[in-house]
Amino acid sequence: MQTDHPVVSRHEWTLARDALLRREKELTRAEDALTRSRMALPWVRMDKAYTFDGAHGPQGLADLFQGHSQLIVYHFMFSPDWEDGCVGCSFLADHLDSALMHLRHHDVSVVAISRAPQARLAAFKQRMGWKFDWYSSERSDFNFDFQASVAQADGAVEERPGASVFFRDPDGEIFHTYSAFERGVERLSGAYNYLDIAPLGRNENGPYFDVRDWVRHHDRYGETAHGTCRHQA
């Protein structure tokens, strides 16, 4: 075996593992405390109406809850002039369908929203074999209001991956409760959790030093890498 990684006895490994375990438990407790703080964030009442183009016609924000009290919107990077959806966002979306059954039985609706027109979203969704609901915000300010799309000084628009979360109370009022972008939503990509315990970790060593170094649309593995969008910063 050729390796420059330290190799020790089982006893030495156990001592090192126990030391790391103490740090892991500290992090777990810190993450639990952070989750409680996230849940304690103040909310913002949604007073502005938005219309989204869905597979079955126009929908309002309330419709996206699909009868549940909680809604998670994934801001999928797909600009109106792009041919394909973002590679990194597609990587995350590959994890979504398997979680939906459990989330819907726990009072949570999850949908994706992008600025690309519905017809383009539907075609890409069919190609990728996804089942989750995907809406176009092309005719509304939703992406801009929630900073998923940011207008630049030169007139260009920067797309950002992220998630925004909403609550609908028994009276039908809707509140914005949380948003996160960039690495703040990478926890939704379950494959990363596997890589984080693998010997080589994420192994993202360039040229982008993020998910674009290795992820492809799942029907394009074997093709040359390309950076069609920015997923992380």
C-alpha atoms as a PDB file:
ATOM      1  CA  MET A   1       0.000   0.000   0.000  1.00  0.00           C
ATOM      2  CA  GLN A   2       1.344   3.417  -0.956  1.00  0.00           C
ATOM      3  CA  THR A   3       0.079   6.266   1.216  1.00  0.00           C
ATOM      4  CA  ASP A   4       1.499   9.258   3.022  1.00  0.00           C
ATOM      5  CA  HIS A   5      -1.426   9.337   5.452  1.00  0.00           C
ATOM      6  CA  PRO A   6      -0.580   8.410   9.062  1.00  0.00           C
ATOM      7  CA  VAL A   7      -1.106   4.704   9.800  1.00  0.00           C
ATOM      8  CA  VAL A   8      -1.212   3.646  13.449  1.00  0.00           C
ATOM      9  CA  SER A   9      -2.185   0.759  15.705  1.00  0.00           C
ATOM     10  CA  ARG A  10      -5.816   0.079  16.615  1.00  0.00           C
ATOM     11  CA  HIS A  11      -5.193   1.391  20.125  1.00  0.00           C
ATOM     12  CA  GLU A  12      -3.724   4.660  18.843  1.00  0.00           C
ATOM     13  CA  TRP A  13      -6.600   5.000  16.370  1.00  0.00           C
ATOM     14  CA  THR A  14      -9.149   4.525  19.181  1.00  0.00           C
ATOM     15  CA  LEU A  15      -7.563   7.283  21.228  1.00  0.00           C
ATOM     16  CA  ALA A  16      -7.599   9.660  18.254  1.00  0.00           C
ATOM     17  CA  ARG A  17     -11.177   8.690  17.416  1.00  0.00           C
ATOM     18  CA  ASP A  18     -12.342   9.312  20.975  1.00  0.00           C
ATOM     19  CA  ALA A  19     -10.767  12.776  20.910  1.00  0.00           C
ATOM     20  CA  LEU A  20     -12.529  13.575  17.649  1.00  0.00           C
ATOM     21  CA  LEU A  21     -15.803  12.168  19.003  1.00  0.00           C
ATOM     22  CA  ARG A  22     -15.728  14.684  21.841  1.00  0.00           C
ATOM     23  CA  ARG A  23     -15.417  17.484  19.292  1.00  0.00           C
ATOM     24  CA  GLU A  24     -18.218  15.988  17.169  1.00  0.00           C
ATOM     25  CA  LYS A  25     -20.538  15.901  20.189  1.00  0.00           C
ATOM     26  CA  GLU A  26     -19.721  19.539  20.944  1.00  0.00           C
ATOM     27  CA  LEU A  27     -20.621  20.431  17.366  1.00  0.00           C
ATOM     28  CA  THR A  28     -23.875  18.457  17.572  1.00  0.00           C
ATOM     29  CA  ARG A  29     -24.908  20.339  20.703  1.00  0.00           C
ATOM     30  CA  ALA A  30     -23.947  23.639  19.080  1.00  0.00           C
ATOM     31  CA  GLU A  31     -25.995  22.776  15.985  1.00  0.00           C
ATOM     32  CA  ASP A  32     -28.976  21.886  18.173  1.00  0.00           C
ATOM     33  CA  ALA A  33     -28.705  25.281  19.867  1.00  0.00           C
ATOM     34  CA  LEU A  34     -28.425  26.993  16.477  1.00  0.00           C
ATOM     35  CA  THR A  35     -31.568  25.189  15.310  1.00  0.00           C
ATOM     36  CA  ARG A  36     -33.457  26.468  18.349  1.00  0.00           C
ATOM     37  CA  SER A  37     -32.265  29.998  17.560  1.00  0.00           C
ATOM     38  CA  ARG A  38     -33.351  29.596  13.939  1.00  0.00           C
ATOM     39  CA  MET A  39     -36.829  28.564  15.075  1.00  0.00           C
ATOM     40  CA  ALA A  40     -36.945  31.583  17.394  1.00  0.00           C
ATOM     41  CA  LEU A  41     -36.323  34.088  14.598  1.00  0.00           C
ATOM     42  CA  PRO A  42     -39.068  36.726  14.250  1.00  0.00           C
ATOM     43  CA  TRP A  43     -41.367  36.375  11.257  1.00  0.00           C
ATOM     44  CA  VAL A  44     -42.436  38.795   8.528  1.00  0.00           C
ATOM     45  CA  ARG A  45     -46.070  38.927   7.429  1.00  0.00           C
ATOM     46  CA  MET A  46     -46.463  38.441   3.674  1.00  0.00           C
ATOM     47  CA  ASP A  47     -48.559  41.326   2.395  1.00  0.00           C
ATOM     48  CA  LYS A  48     -47.531  41.203  -1.274  1.00  0.00           C
ATOM     49  CA  ALA A  49     -49.268  38.861  -3.710  1.00  0.00           C
ATOM     50  CA  TYR A  50     -47.244  36.693  -6.078  1.00  0.00           C
ATOM     51  CA  THR A  51     -48.332  34.622  -9.064  1.00  0.00           C
ATOM     52  CA  PHE A  52     -46.394  31.578 -10.227  1.00  0.00           C
ATOM     53  CA  ASP A  53     -46.792  29.557 -13.399  1.00  0.00           C
ATOM     54  CA  GLY A  54     -47.236  25.892 -12.538  1.00  0.00           C
ATOM     55  CA  ALA A  55     -47.844  22.749 -14.542  1.00  0.00           C
ATOM     56  CA  HIS A  56     -51.602  23.316 -14.168  1.00  0.00           C
ATOM     57  CA  GLY A  57     -51.746  27.084 -14.536  1.00  0.00           C
ATOM     58  CA  PRO A  58     -51.243  30.154 -12.348  1.00  0.00           C
ATOM     59  CA  GLN A  59     -50.852  29.630  -8.601  1.00  0.00           C
ATOM     60  CA  GLY A  60     -50.573  31.982  -5.656  1.00  0.00           C
ATOM     61  CA  LEU A  61     -48.162  31.575  -2.774  1.00  0.00           C
ATOM     62  CA  ALA A  62     -50.911  30.078  -0.594  1.00  0.00           C
ATOM     63  CA  ASP A  63     -51.522  27.362  -3.212  1.00  0.00           C
ATOM     64  CA  LEU A  64     -47.922  26.190  -2.919  1.00  0.00           C
ATOM     65  CA  PHE A  65     -48.574  25.048   0.664  1.00  0.00           C
ATOM     66  CA  GLN A  66     -50.810  22.291  -0.763  1.00  0.00           C
ATOM     67  CA  GLY A  67     -52.848  22.144   2.444  1.00  0.00           C
ATOM     68  CA  HIS A  68     -49.850  22.133   4.803  1.00  0.00           C
ATOM     69  CA  SER A  69     -48.858  24.821   7.293  1.00  0.00           C
ATOM     70  CA  GLN A  70     -45.172  24.915   6.307  1.00  0.00           C
ATOM     71  CA  LEU A  71     -43.601  25.633   2.932  1.00  0.00           C
ATOM     72  CA  ILE A  72     -39.979  25.365   1.850  1.00  0.00           C
ATOM     73  CA  VAL A  73     -39.128  26.986  -1.473  1.00  0.00           C
ATOM     74  CA  TYR A  74     -35.884  25.955  -3.107  1.00  0.00           C
ATOM     75  CA  HIS A  75     -34.517  28.789  -5.257  1.00  0.00           C
ATOM     76  CA  PHE A  76     -33.342  26.723  -8.226  1.00  0.00           C
ATOM     77  CA  MET A  77     -30.932  28.676 -10.430  1.00  0.00           C
ATOM     78  CA  PHE A  78     -32.443  28.651 -13.913  1.00  0.00           C
ATOM     79  CA  SER A  79     -32.297  31.966 -15.741  1.00  0.00           C
ATOM     80  CA  PRO A  80     -34.854  32.565 -18.526  1.00  0.00           C
ATOM     81  CA  ASP A  81     -32.122  32.403 -21.177  1.00  0.00           C
ATOM     82  CA  TRP A  82     -30.418  29.212 -19.946  1.00  0.00           C
ATOM     83  CA  GLU A  83     -30.809  25.927 -21.802  1.00  0.00           C
ATOM     84  CA  ASP A  84     -30.229  23.774 -18.695  1.00  0.00           C
ATOM     85  CA  GLY A  85     -30.763  24.231 -14.988  1.00  0.00           C
ATOM     86  CA  CYS A  86     -27.787  24.848 -12.727  1.00  0.00           C
ATOM     87  CA  VAL A  87     -25.611  21.751 -12.217  1.00  0.00           C
ATOM     88  CA  GLY A  88     -25.273  22.322  -8.476  1.00  0.00           C
ATOM     89  CA  CYS A  89     -28.994  22.960  -8.048  1.00  0.00           C
ATOM     90  CA  SER A  90     -29.714  19.819 -10.065  1.00  0.00           C
ATOM     91  CA  PHE A  91     -27.446  17.891  -7.695  1.00  0.00           C
ATOM     92  CA  LEU A  92     -29.530  19.117  -4.768  1.00  0.00           C
ATOM     93  CA  ALA A  93     -32.801  18.486  -6.606  1.00  0.00           C
ATOM     94  CA  ASP A  94     -31.813  14.844  -7.129  1.00  0.00           C
ATOM     95  CA  HIS A  95     -32.283  14.413  -3.362  1.00  0.00           C
ATOM     96  CA  LEU A  96     -35.714  16.010  -3.177  1.00  0.00           C
ATOM     97  CA  ASP A  97     -38.158  13.421  -4.493  1.00  0.00           C
ATOM     98  CA  SER A  98     -37.076  10.765  -1.992  1.00  0.00           C
ATOM     99  CA  ALA A  99     -37.718  13.154   0.915  1.00  0.00           C
ATOM    100  CA  LEU A 100     -41.100  14.451  -0.262  1.00  0.00           C
ATOM    101  CA  MET A 101     -43.258  11.562   1.004  1.00  0.00           C
ATOM    102  CA  HIS A 102     -41.886  11.947   4.515  1.00  0.00           C
ATOM    103  CA  LEU A 103     -42.043  15.748   4.509  1.00  0.00           C
ATOM    104  CA  ARG A 104     -45.623  15.848   3.249  1.00  0.00           C
ATOM    105  CA  HIS A 105     -46.627  13.519   6.078  1.00  0.00           C
ATOM    106  CA  HIS A 106     -44.974  15.922   8.492  1.00  0.00           C
ATOM    107  CA  ASP A 107     -46.954  18.990   7.404  1.00  0.00           C
ATOM    108  CA  VAL A 108     -44.255  20.379   5.089  1.00  0.00           C
ATOM    109  CA  SER A 109     -44.602  21.231   1.409  1.00  0.00           C
ATOM    110  CA  VAL A 110     -41.423  21.625  -0.663  1.00  0.00           C
ATOM    111  CA  VAL A 111     -41.352  23.164  -4.141  1.00  0.00           C
ATOM    112  CA  ALA A 112     -38.765  24.663  -6.473  1.00  0.00           C
ATOM    113  CA  ILE A 113     -39.080  28.117  -8.030  1.00  0.00           C
ATOM    114  CA  SER A 114     -37.016  29.550 -10.896  1.00  0.00           C
ATOM    115  CA  ARG A 115     -37.241  32.512 -13.282  1.00  0.00           C
ATOM    116  CA  ALA A 116     -37.158  30.367 -16.426  1.00  0.00           C
ATOM    117  CA  PRO A 117     -40.526  29.972 -18.198  1.00  0.00           C
ATOM    118  CA  GLN A 118     -42.683  27.022 -17.175  1.00  0.00           C
ATOM    119  CA  ALA A 119     -42.307  25.245 -20.509  1.00  0.00           C
ATOM    120  CA  ARG A 120     -38.524  25.165 -20.133  1.00  0.00           C
ATOM    121  CA  LEU A 121     -38.778  23.997 -16.525  1.00  0.00           C
ATOM    122  CA  ALA A 122     -41.194  21.240 -17.499  1.00  0.00           C
ATOM    123  CA  ALA A 123     -38.926  19.999 -20.279  1.00  0.00           C
ATOM    124  CA  PHE A 124     -35.867  19.901 -18.034  1.00  0.00           C
ATOM    125  CA  LYS A 125     -37.861  18.246 -15.227  1.00  0.00           C
ATOM    126  CA  GLN A 126     -39.023  15.520 -17.621  1.00  0.00           C
ATOM    127  CA  ARG A 127     -35.475  14.991 -18.874  1.00  0.00           C
ATOM    128  CA  MET A 128     -34.183  14.600 -15.321  1.00  0.00           C
ATOM    129  CA  GLY A 129     -37.070  12.388 -14.207  1.00  0.00           C
ATOM    130  CA  TRP A 130     -38.050  14.535 -11.236  1.00  0.00           C
ATOM    131  CA  LYS A 131     -41.515  14.519  -9.650  1.00  0.00           C
ATOM    132  CA  PHE A 132     -41.439  17.542  -7.290  1.00  0.00           C
ATOM    133  CA  ASP A 133     -43.510  20.617  -8.134  1.00  0.00           C
ATOM    134  CA  TRP A 134     -41.573  23.333  -9.932  1.00  0.00           C
ATOM    135  CA  TYR A 135     -42.942  26.815 -10.544  1.00  0.00           C
ATOM    136  CA  SER A 136     -41.865  29.739 -12.695  1.00  0.00           C
ATOM    137  CA  SER A 137     -41.649  33.189 -11.117  1.00  0.00           C
ATOM    138  CA  GLU A 138     -41.003  34.767 -14.520  1.00  0.00           C
ATOM    139  CA  ARG A 139     -44.033  37.057 -14.217  1.00  0.00           C
ATOM    140  CA  SER A 140     -43.463  38.197 -10.621  1.00  0.00           C
ATOM    141  CA  ASP A 141     -40.878  39.930  -8.426  1.00  0.00           C
ATOM    142  CA  PHE A 142     -40.575  36.934  -6.118  1.00  0.00           C
ATOM    143  CA  ASN A 143     -36.964  36.017  -6.939  1.00  0.00           C
ATOM    144  CA  PHE A 144     -35.808  39.611  -6.646  1.00  0.00           C
ATOM    145  CA  ASP A 145     -37.762  40.304  -3.460  1.00  0.00           C
ATOM    146  CA  PHE A 146     -36.214  37.255  -1.798  1.00  0.00           C
ATOM    147  CA  GLN A 147     -32.710  37.937  -3.165  1.00  0.00           C
ATOM    148  CA  ALA A 148     -32.560  34.732  -5.181  1.00  0.00           C
ATOM    149  CA  SER A 149     -32.011  36.929  -8.256  1.00  0.00           C
ATOM    150  CA  VAL A 150     -29.944  40.093  -7.912  1.00  0.00           C
ATOM    151  CA  ALA A 151     -29.847  42.817 -10.569  1.00  0.00           C
ATOM    152  CA  GLN A 152     -26.334  44.047 -11.310  1.00  0.00           C
ATOM    153  CA  ALA A 153     -25.237  47.571 -12.239  1.00  0.00           C
ATOM    154  CA  ASP A 154     -24.632  46.498 -15.844  1.00  0.00           C
ATOM    155  CA  GLY A 155     -28.171  45.160 -16.199  1.00  0.00           C
ATOM    156  CA  ALA A 156     -27.220  41.503 -15.823  1.00  0.00           C
ATOM    157  CA  VAL A 157     -28.950  39.337 -13.229  1.00  0.00           C
ATOM    158  CA  GLU A 158     -27.053  37.087 -10.840  1.00  0.00           C
ATOM    159  CA  GLU A 159     -28.900  33.935  -9.791  1.00  0.00           C
ATOM    160  CA  ARG A 160     -28.315  32.551  -6.290  1.00  0.00           C
ATOM    161  CA  PRO A 161     -29.079  29.082  -4.927  1.00  0.00           C
ATOM    162  CA  GLY A 162     -30.997  29.135  -1.685  1.00  0.00           C
ATOM    163  CA  ALA A 163     -34.161  28.341   0.199  1.00  0.00           C
ATOM    164  CA  SER A 164     -36.913  30.458   1.716  1.00  0.00           C
ATOM    165  CA  VAL A 165     -39.338  29.138   4.302  1.00  0.00           C
ATOM    166  CA  PHE A 166     -42.910  30.177   5.080  1.00  0.00           C
ATOM    167  CA  PHE A 167     -45.654  29.433   7.617  1.00  0.00           C
ATOM    168  CA  ARG A 168     -49.413  29.642   7.038  1.00  0.00           C
ATOM    169  CA  ASP A 169     -51.530  30.019  10.149  1.00  0.00           C
ATOM    170  CA  PRO A 170     -55.092  28.668  10.613  1.00  0.00           C
ATOM    171  CA  ASP A 171     -56.506  32.040   9.502  1.00  0.00           C
ATOM    172  CA  GLY A 172     -54.636  31.823   6.201  1.00  0.00           C
ATOM    173  CA  GLU A 173     -52.050  34.482   6.944  1.00  0.00           C
ATOM    174  CA  ILE A 174     -48.603  33.715   5.541  1.00  0.00           C
ATOM    175  CA  PHE A 175     -45.291  34.609   7.174  1.00  0.00           C
ATOM    176  CA  HIS A 176     -41.713  34.485   5.914  1.00  0.00           C
ATOM    177  CA  THR A 177     -39.699  32.697   8.597  1.00  0.00           C
ATOM    178  CA  TYR A 178     -36.228  31.966   7.200  1.00  0.00           C
ATOM    179  CA  SER A 179     -33.955  32.164   4.161  1.00  0.00           C
ATOM    180  CA  ALA A 180     -30.464  30.832   3.443  1.00  0.00           C
ATOM    181  CA  PHE A 181     -28.214  30.943   0.402  1.00  0.00           C
ATOM    182  CA  GLU A 182     -25.031  29.452  -1.012  1.00  0.00           C
ATOM    183  CA  ARG A 183     -23.454  27.031   1.493  1.00  0.00           C
ATOM    184  CA  GLY A 184     -26.350  27.671   3.857  1.00  0.00           C
ATOM    185  CA  VAL A 185     -28.437  25.127   1.926  1.00  0.00           C
ATOM    186  CA  GLU A 186     -25.824  22.504   1.126  1.00  0.00           C
ATOM    187  CA  ARG A 187     -27.179  20.405   4.031  1.00  0.00           C
ATOM    188  CA  LEU A 188     -30.101  19.620   1.687  1.00  0.00           C
ATOM    189  CA  SER A 189     -27.696  17.687  -0.580  1.00  0.00           C
ATOM    190  CA  GLY A 190     -27.548  14.346   1.205  1.00  0.00           C
ATOM    191  CA  ALA A 191     -24.613  13.046  -0.850  1.00  0.00           C
ATOM    192  CA  TYR A 192     -22.414  15.632   0.842  1.00  0.00           C
ATOM    193  CA  ASN A 193     -23.149  14.002   4.207  1.00  0.00           C
ATOM    194  CA  TYR A 194     -21.752  10.742   2.860  1.00  0.00           C
ATOM    195  CA  LEU A 195     -18.684  12.450   1.408  1.00  0.00           C
ATOM    196  CA  ASP A 196     -17.991  14.221   4.697  1.00  0.00           C
ATOM    197  CA  ILE A 197     -17.291  10.827   6.337  1.00  0.00           C
ATOM    198  CA  ALA A 198     -15.431   9.366   3.322  1.00  0.00           C
ATOM    199  CA  PRO A 199     -11.606   9.142   3.463  1.00  0.00           C
ATOM    200  CA  LEU A 200     -11.068  11.823   0.802  1.00  0.00           C
ATOM    201  CA  GLY A 201     -13.964  14.040   1.916  1.00  0.00           C
ATOM    202  CA  ARG A 202     -15.526  16.200  -0.760  1.00  0.00           C
ATOM    203  CA  ASN A 203     -12.354  16.068  -2.855  1.00  0.00           C
ATOM    204  CA  GLU A 204     -13.146  19.388  -4.561  1.00  0.00           C
ATOM    205  CA  ASN A 205      -9.636  20.399  -5.529  1.00  0.00           C
ATOM    206  CA  GLY A 206     -10.121  22.720  -8.486  1.00  0.00           C
ATOM    207  CA  PRO A 207     -10.511  24.524 -10.712  1.00  0.00           C
ATOM    208  CA  TYR A 208     -13.652  25.805  -8.959  1.00  0.00           C
ATOM    209  CA  PHE A 209     -13.077  24.301  -5.492  1.00  0.00           C
ATOM    210  CA  ASP A 210     -16.777  23.561  -5.126  1.00  0.00           C
ATOM    211  CA  VAL A 211     -19.436  21.181  -6.401  1.00  0.00           C
ATOM    212  CA  ARG A 212     -18.716  22.051 -10.048  1.00  0.00           C
ATOM    213  CA  ASP A 213     -15.379  20.235  -9.830  1.00  0.00           C
ATOM    214  CA  TRP A 214     -17.090  16.871 -10.020  1.00  0.00           C
ATOM    215  CA  VAL A 215     -20.894  16.970 -10.218  1.00  0.00           C
ATOM    216  CA  ARG A 216     -22.691  16.674 -13.574  1.00  0.00           C
ATOM    217  CA  HIS A 217     -26.340  16.522 -14.481  1.00  0.00           C
ATOM    218  CA  HIS A 218     -27.033  12.899 -13.614  1.00  0.00           C
ATOM    219  CA  ASP A 219     -27.556  12.009 -17.288  1.00  0.00           C
ATOM    220  CA  ARG A 220     -24.207  13.543 -18.290  1.00  0.00           C
ATOM    221  CA  TYR A 221     -21.597  11.800 -16.196  1.00  0.00           C
ATOM    222  CA  GLY A 222     -18.596  11.054 -18.354  1.00  0.00           C
ATOM    223  CA  GLU A 223     -18.756  14.381 -20.171  1.00  0.00           C
ATOM    224  CA  THR A 224     -16.227  17.160 -19.703  1.00  0.00           C
ATOM    225  CA  ALA A 225     -16.780  19.368 -16.685  1.00  0.00           C
ATOM    226  CA  HIS A 226     -18.118  22.854 -17.216  1.00  0.00           C
ATOM    227  CA  GLY A 227     -19.128  25.650 -14.855  1.00  0.00           C
ATOM    228  CA  THR A 228     -22.565  26.654 -16.125  1.00  0.00           C
ATOM    229  CA  CYS A 229     -23.501  28.238 -12.843  1.00  0.00           C
ATOM    230  CA  ARG A 230     -22.199  29.145  -9.434  1.00  0.00           C
ATOM    231  CA  HIS A 231     -23.575  26.997  -6.654  1.00  0.00           C
ATOM    232  CA  GLN A 232     -21.406  27.969  -3.727  1.00  0.00           C
ATOM    233  CA  ALA A 233     -19.168  30.741  -2.525  1.00  0.00           C
END
